[in-house]
């Protein structure tokens, strides 16, 4: 990871990173990851994203 990317991450600019990158960096740093997926609120009218092929 470049120094620029590390600086962005340490500066809290997490929106610049994909979720998988954040998870990999966290695991590499020895952190424990927990994720919770919740149903959207009724007030959330954002259209769903198309699923990505793995």
PDB file of N, CA and C in Angstrom:
ATOM      1  N   UNK A   1       0.860  -1.169   0.000  1.00  0.00           N
ATOM      2  CA  UNK A   1       0.000   0.000   0.000  1.00  0.00           C
ATOM      3  C   UNK A   1       0.907   1.232   0.000  1.00  0.00           C
ATOM      4  N   UNK A   2       0.561   2.187  -0.838  1.00  0.00           N
ATOM      5  CA  UNK A   2       1.374   3.395  -0.946  1.00  0.00           C
ATOM      6  C   UNK A   2       1.208   4.267   0.302  1.00  0.00           C
ATOM      7  N   UNK A   3       2.181   5.145   0.515  1.00  0.00           N
ATOM      8  CA  UNK A   3       2.121   6.056   1.658  1.00  0.00           C
ATOM      9  C   UNK A   3       0.884   6.951   1.571  1.00  0.00           C
ATOM     10  N   UNK A   4       0.528   7.319   0.371  1.00  0.00           N
ATOM     11  CA  UNK A   4      -0.667   8.160   0.166  1.00  0.00           C
ATOM     12  C   UNK A   4      -1.926   7.442   0.659  1.00  0.00           C
ATOM     13  N   UNK A   5      -2.046   6.149   0.311  1.00  0.00           N
ATOM     14  CA  UNK A   5      -3.214   5.370   0.733  1.00  0.00           C
ATOM     15  C   UNK A   5      -3.230   5.201   2.255  1.00  0.00           C
ATOM     16  N   UNK A   6      -2.061   4.969   2.830  1.00  0.00           N
ATOM     17  CA  UNK A   6      -1.970   4.841   4.290  1.00  0.00           C
ATOM     18  C   UNK A   6      -2.400   6.159   4.938  1.00  0.00           C
ATOM     19  N   UNK A   7      -1.941   7.266   4.381  1.00  0.00           N
ATOM     20  CA  UNK A   7      -2.314   8.581   4.919  1.00  0.00           C
ATOM     21  C   UNK A   7      -3.821   8.812   4.825  1.00  0.00           C
ATOM     22  N   UNK A   8      -4.411   8.421   3.697  1.00  0.00           N
ATOM     23  CA  UNK A   8      -5.865   8.553   3.552  1.00  0.00           C
ATOM     24  C   UNK A   8      -6.593   7.722   4.599  1.00  0.00           C
ATOM     25  N   UNK A   9      -6.135   6.502   4.790  1.00  0.00           N
ATOM     26  CA  UNK A   9      -6.766   5.613   5.763  1.00  0.00           C
ATOM     27  C   UNK A   9      -6.614   6.149   7.180  1.00  0.00           C
ATOM     28  N   UNK A  10      -5.410   6.562   7.534  1.00  0.00           N
ATOM     29  CA  UNK A  10      -5.171   7.093   8.876  1.00  0.00           C
ATOM     30  C   UNK A  10      -5.883   8.428   9.099  1.00  0.00           C
ATOM     31  N   UNK A  11      -6.175   9.125   8.011  1.00  0.00           N
ATOM     32  CA  UNK A  11      -6.898  10.391   8.101  1.00  0.00           C
ATOM     33  C   UNK A  11      -8.406  10.203   8.144  1.00  0.00           C
ATOM     34  N   UNK A  12      -8.846   8.930   8.179  1.00  0.00           N
ATOM     35  CA  UNK A  12     -10.272   8.655   8.302  1.00  0.00           C
ATOM     36  C   UNK A  12     -11.041   8.693   6.999  1.00  0.00           C
ATOM     37  N   UNK A  13     -10.348   8.722   5.880  1.00  0.00           N
ATOM     38  CA  UNK A  13     -11.016   8.783   4.578  1.00  0.00           C
ATOM     39  C   UNK A  13     -11.378   7.376   4.095  1.00  0.00           C
ATOM     40  N   UNK A  14     -12.162   6.680   4.898  1.00  0.00           N
ATOM     41  CA  UNK A  14     -12.504   5.282   4.604  1.00  0.00           C
ATOM     42  C   UNK A  14     -13.383   5.128   3.376  1.00  0.00           C
ATOM     43  N   UNK A  15     -14.076   6.193   2.971  1.00  0.00           N
ATOM     44  CA  UNK A  15     -14.932   6.096   1.789  1.00  0.00           C
ATOM     45  C   UNK A  15     -14.126   5.938   0.505  1.00  0.00           C
ATOM     46  N   UNK A  16     -12.815   6.153   0.571  1.00  0.00           N
ATOM     47  CA  UNK A  16     -11.957   5.993  -0.600  1.00  0.00           C
ATOM     48  C   UNK A  16     -11.557   4.539  -0.818  1.00  0.00           C
ATOM     49  N   UNK A  17     -11.961   3.648   0.096  1.00  0.00           N
ATOM     50  CA  UNK A  17     -11.534   2.261   0.053  1.00  0.00           C
ATOM     51  C   UNK A  17     -12.725   1.324  -0.124  1.00  0.00           C
ATOM     52  N   UNK A  18     -12.502   0.233  -0.849  1.00  0.00           N
ATOM     53  CA  UNK A  18     -13.507  -0.827  -0.947  1.00  0.00           C
ATOM     54  C   UNK A  18     -13.580  -1.553   0.391  1.00  0.00           C
ATOM     55  N   UNK A  19     -14.720  -2.161   0.650  1.00  0.00           N
ATOM     56  CA  UNK A  19     -14.903  -2.909   1.891  1.00  0.00           C
ATOM     57  C   UNK A  19     -13.863  -4.023   2.030  1.00  0.00           C
ATOM     58  N   UNK A  20     -13.604  -4.745   0.944  1.00  0.00           N
ATOM     59  CA  UNK A  20     -12.637  -5.845   1.022  1.00  0.00           C
ATOM     60  C   UNK A  20     -11.243  -5.338   1.380  1.00  0.00           C
ATOM     61  N   UNK A  21     -10.873  -4.170   0.882  1.00  0.00           N
ATOM     62  CA  UNK A  21      -9.571  -3.591   1.227  1.00  0.00           C
ATOM     63  C   UNK A  21      -9.516  -3.238   2.705  1.00  0.00           C
ATOM     64  N   UNK A  22     -10.579  -2.644   3.226  1.00  0.00           N
ATOM     65  CA  UNK A  22     -10.614  -2.287   4.649  1.00  0.00           C
ATOM     66  C   UNK A  22     -10.527  -3.533   5.527  1.00  0.00           C
ATOM     67  N   UNK A  23     -11.202  -4.607   5.125  1.00  0.00           N
ATOM     68  CA  UNK A  23     -11.154  -5.850   5.891  1.00  0.00           C
ATOM     69  C   UNK A  23      -9.745  -6.437   5.862  1.00  0.00           C
ATOM     70  N   UNK A  24      -9.131  -6.496   4.693  1.00  0.00           N
ATOM     71  CA  UNK A  24      -7.783  -7.062   4.577  1.00  0.00           C
ATOM     72  C   UNK A  24      -6.774  -6.259   5.396  1.00  0.00           C
ATOM     73  N   UNK A  25      -6.841  -4.940   5.320  1.00  0.00           N
ATOM     74  CA  UNK A  25      -5.926  -4.093   6.090  1.00  0.00           C
ATOM     75  C   UNK A  25      -6.149  -4.302   7.583  1.00  0.00           C
ATOM     76  N   UNK A  26      -7.398  -4.400   8.005  1.00  0.00           N
ATOM     77  CA  UNK A  26      -7.707  -4.596   9.420  1.00  0.00           C
ATOM     78  C   UNK A  26      -7.189  -5.937   9.932  1.00  0.00           C
ATOM     79  N   UNK A  27      -7.406  -6.992   9.159  1.00  0.00           N
ATOM     80  CA  UNK A  27      -6.927  -8.321   9.556  1.00  0.00           C
ATOM     81  C   UNK A  27      -5.404  -8.337   9.609  1.00  0.00           C
ATOM     82  N   UNK A  28      -4.773  -7.709   8.619  1.00  0.00           N
ATOM     83  CA  UNK A  28      -3.306  -7.630   8.600  1.00  0.00           C
ATOM     84  C   UNK A  28      -2.782  -6.898   9.834  1.00  0.00           C
ATOM     85  N   UNK A  29      -3.547  -5.919  10.316  1.00  0.00           N
ATOM     86  CA  UNK A  29      -3.150  -5.166  11.513  1.00  0.00           C
ATOM     87  C   UNK A  29      -3.488  -5.917  12.794  1.00  0.00           C
ATOM     88  N   UNK A  30      -4.063  -7.130  12.669  1.00  0.00           N
ATOM     89  CA  UNK A  30      -4.364  -7.932  13.850  1.00  0.00           C
ATOM     90  C   UNK A  30      -5.706  -7.641  14.487  1.00  0.00           C
ATOM     91  N   UNK A  31      -6.565  -6.947  13.774  1.00  0.00           N
ATOM     92  CA  UNK A  31      -7.877  -6.624  14.323  1.00  0.00           C
ATOM     93  C   UNK A  31      -8.872  -7.745  14.029  1.00  0.00           C
ATOM     94  N   UNK A  32      -9.889  -7.845  14.854  1.00  0.00           N
ATOM     95  CA  UNK A  32     -10.969  -8.822  14.692  1.00  0.00           C
ATOM     96  C   UNK A  32     -12.124  -8.127  13.969  1.00  0.00           C
ATOM     97  N   UNK A  33     -12.663  -8.758  12.943  1.00  0.00           N
ATOM     98  CA  UNK A  33     -13.730  -8.170  12.141  1.00  0.00           C
ATOM     99  C   UNK A  33     -15.058  -8.849  12.473  1.00  0.00           C
ATOM    100  N   UNK A  34     -16.083  -8.048  12.702  1.00  0.00           N
ATOM    101  CA  UNK A  34     -17.449  -8.539  12.840  1.00  0.00           C
ATOM    102  C   UNK A  34     -18.327  -7.704  11.926  1.00  0.00           C
ATOM    103  N   UNK A  35     -19.216  -8.370  11.205  1.00  0.00           N
ATOM    104  CA  UNK A  35     -20.139  -7.654  10.313  1.00  0.00           C
ATOM    105  C   UNK A  35     -21.565  -8.037  10.647  1.00  0.00           C
ATOM    106  N   UNK A  36     -22.441  -7.075  10.528  1.00  0.00           N
ATOM    107  CA  UNK A  36     -23.864  -7.320  10.736  1.00  0.00           C
ATOM    108  C   UNK A  36     -24.601  -6.716   9.549  1.00  0.00           C
ATOM    109  N   UNK A  37     -25.446  -7.502   8.924  1.00  0.00           N
ATOM    110  CA  UNK A  37     -26.242  -7.028   7.791  1.00  0.00           C
ATOM    111  C   UNK A  37     -27.674  -6.885   8.267  1.00  0.00           C
ATOM    112  N   UNK A  38     -28.215  -5.702   8.086  1.00  0.00           N
ATOM    113  CA  UNK A  38     -29.566  -5.400   8.545  1.00  0.00           C
ATOM    114  C   UNK A  38     -30.469  -5.066   7.374  1.00  0.00           C
ATOM    115  N   UNK A  39     -31.745  -5.313   7.542  1.00  0.00           N
ATOM    116  CA  UNK A  39     -32.722  -4.903   6.543  1.00  0.00           C
ATOM    117  C   UNK A  39     -32.783  -3.377   6.531  1.00  0.00           C
ATOM    118  N   UNK A  40     -33.006  -2.790   5.360  1.00  0.00           N
ATOM    119  CA  UNK A  40     -33.074  -1.327   5.303  1.00  0.00           C
ATOM    120  C   UNK A  40     -34.311  -0.796   6.023  1.00  0.00           C
ATOM    121  N   UNK A  41     -34.200   0.418   6.524  1.00  0.00           N
ATOM    122  CA  UNK A  41     -35.352   1.094   7.130  1.00  0.00           C
ATOM    123  C   UNK A  41     -36.381   1.373   6.042  1.00  0.00           C
ATOM    124  N   UNK A  42     -37.644   1.471   6.421  1.00  0.00           N
ATOM    125  CA  UNK A  42     -38.694   1.808   5.457  1.00  0.00           C
ATOM    126  C   UNK A  42     -38.456   3.184   4.848  1.00  0.00           C
ATOM    127  N   UNK A  43     -37.779   4.054   5.589  1.00  0.00           N
ATOM    128  CA  UNK A  43     -37.539   5.413   5.111  1.00  0.00           C
ATOM    129  C   UNK A  43     -36.408   5.464   4.085  1.00  0.00           C
ATOM    130  N   UNK A  44     -35.666   4.385   3.947  1.00  0.00           N
ATOM    131  CA  UNK A  44     -34.552   4.347   2.995  1.00  0.00           C
ATOM    132  C   UNK A  44     -35.098   4.026   1.606  1.00  0.00           C
ATOM    133  N   UNK A  45     -35.163   5.022   0.758  1.00  0.00           N
ATOM    134  CA  UNK A  45     -35.725   4.842  -0.576  1.00  0.00           C
ATOM    135  C   UNK A  45     -34.641   4.678  -1.637  1.00  0.00           C
ATOM    136  N   UNK A  46     -33.402   4.429  -1.218  1.00  0.00           N
ATOM    137  CA  UNK A  46     -32.309   4.236  -2.156  1.00  0.00           C
ATOM    138  C   UNK A  46     -32.519   2.937  -2.923  1.00  0.00           C
ATOM    139  N   UNK A  47     -32.445   2.972  -4.256  1.00  0.00           N
ATOM    140  CA  UNK A  47     -32.623   1.725  -5.006  1.00  0.00           C
ATOM    141  C   UNK A  47     -31.482   0.752  -4.701  1.00  0.00           C
ATOM    142  N   UNK A  48     -31.774  -0.531  -4.666  1.00  0.00           N
ATOM    143  CA  UNK A  48     -30.732  -1.514  -4.359  1.00  0.00           C
ATOM    144  C   UNK A  48     -29.665  -1.536  -5.453  1.00  0.00           C
ATOM    145  N   UNK A  49     -28.434  -1.845  -5.030  1.00  0.00           N
ATOM    146  CA  UNK A  49     -27.340  -1.972  -5.978  1.00  0.00           C
ATOM    147  C   UNK A  49     -27.415  -3.318  -6.658  1.00  0.00           C
ATOM    148  N   UNK A  50     -26.935  -3.374  -7.886  1.00  0.00           N
ATOM    149  CA  UNK A  50     -26.884  -4.658  -8.593  1.00  0.00           C
ATOM    150  C   UNK A  50     -25.807  -5.517  -7.941  1.00  0.00           C
ATOM    151  N   UNK A  51     -26.080  -6.783  -7.677  1.00  0.00           N
ATOM    152  CA  UNK A  51     -25.060  -7.641  -7.074  1.00  0.00           C
ATOM    153  C   UNK A  51     -23.880  -7.851  -8.026  1.00  0.00           C
ATOM    154  N   UNK A  52     -22.694  -7.910  -7.443  1.00  0.00           N
ATOM    155  CA  UNK A  52     -21.495  -8.139  -8.243  1.00  0.00           C
ATOM    156  C   UNK A  52     -21.263  -9.622  -8.384  1.00  0.00           C
ATOM    157  N   UNK A  53     -20.768 -10.012  -9.543  1.00  0.00           N
ATOM    158  CA  UNK A  53     -20.418 -11.414  -9.755  1.00  0.00           C
ATOM    159  C   UNK A  53     -19.081 -11.672  -9.085  1.00  0.00           C
ATOM    160  N   UNK A  54     -18.987 -12.778  -8.366  1.00  0.00           N
ATOM    161  CA  UNK A  54     -17.738 -13.133  -7.690  1.00  0.00           C
ATOM    162  C   UNK A  54     -16.911 -14.048  -8.522  1.00  0.00           C
TER     163      UNK A  54
END
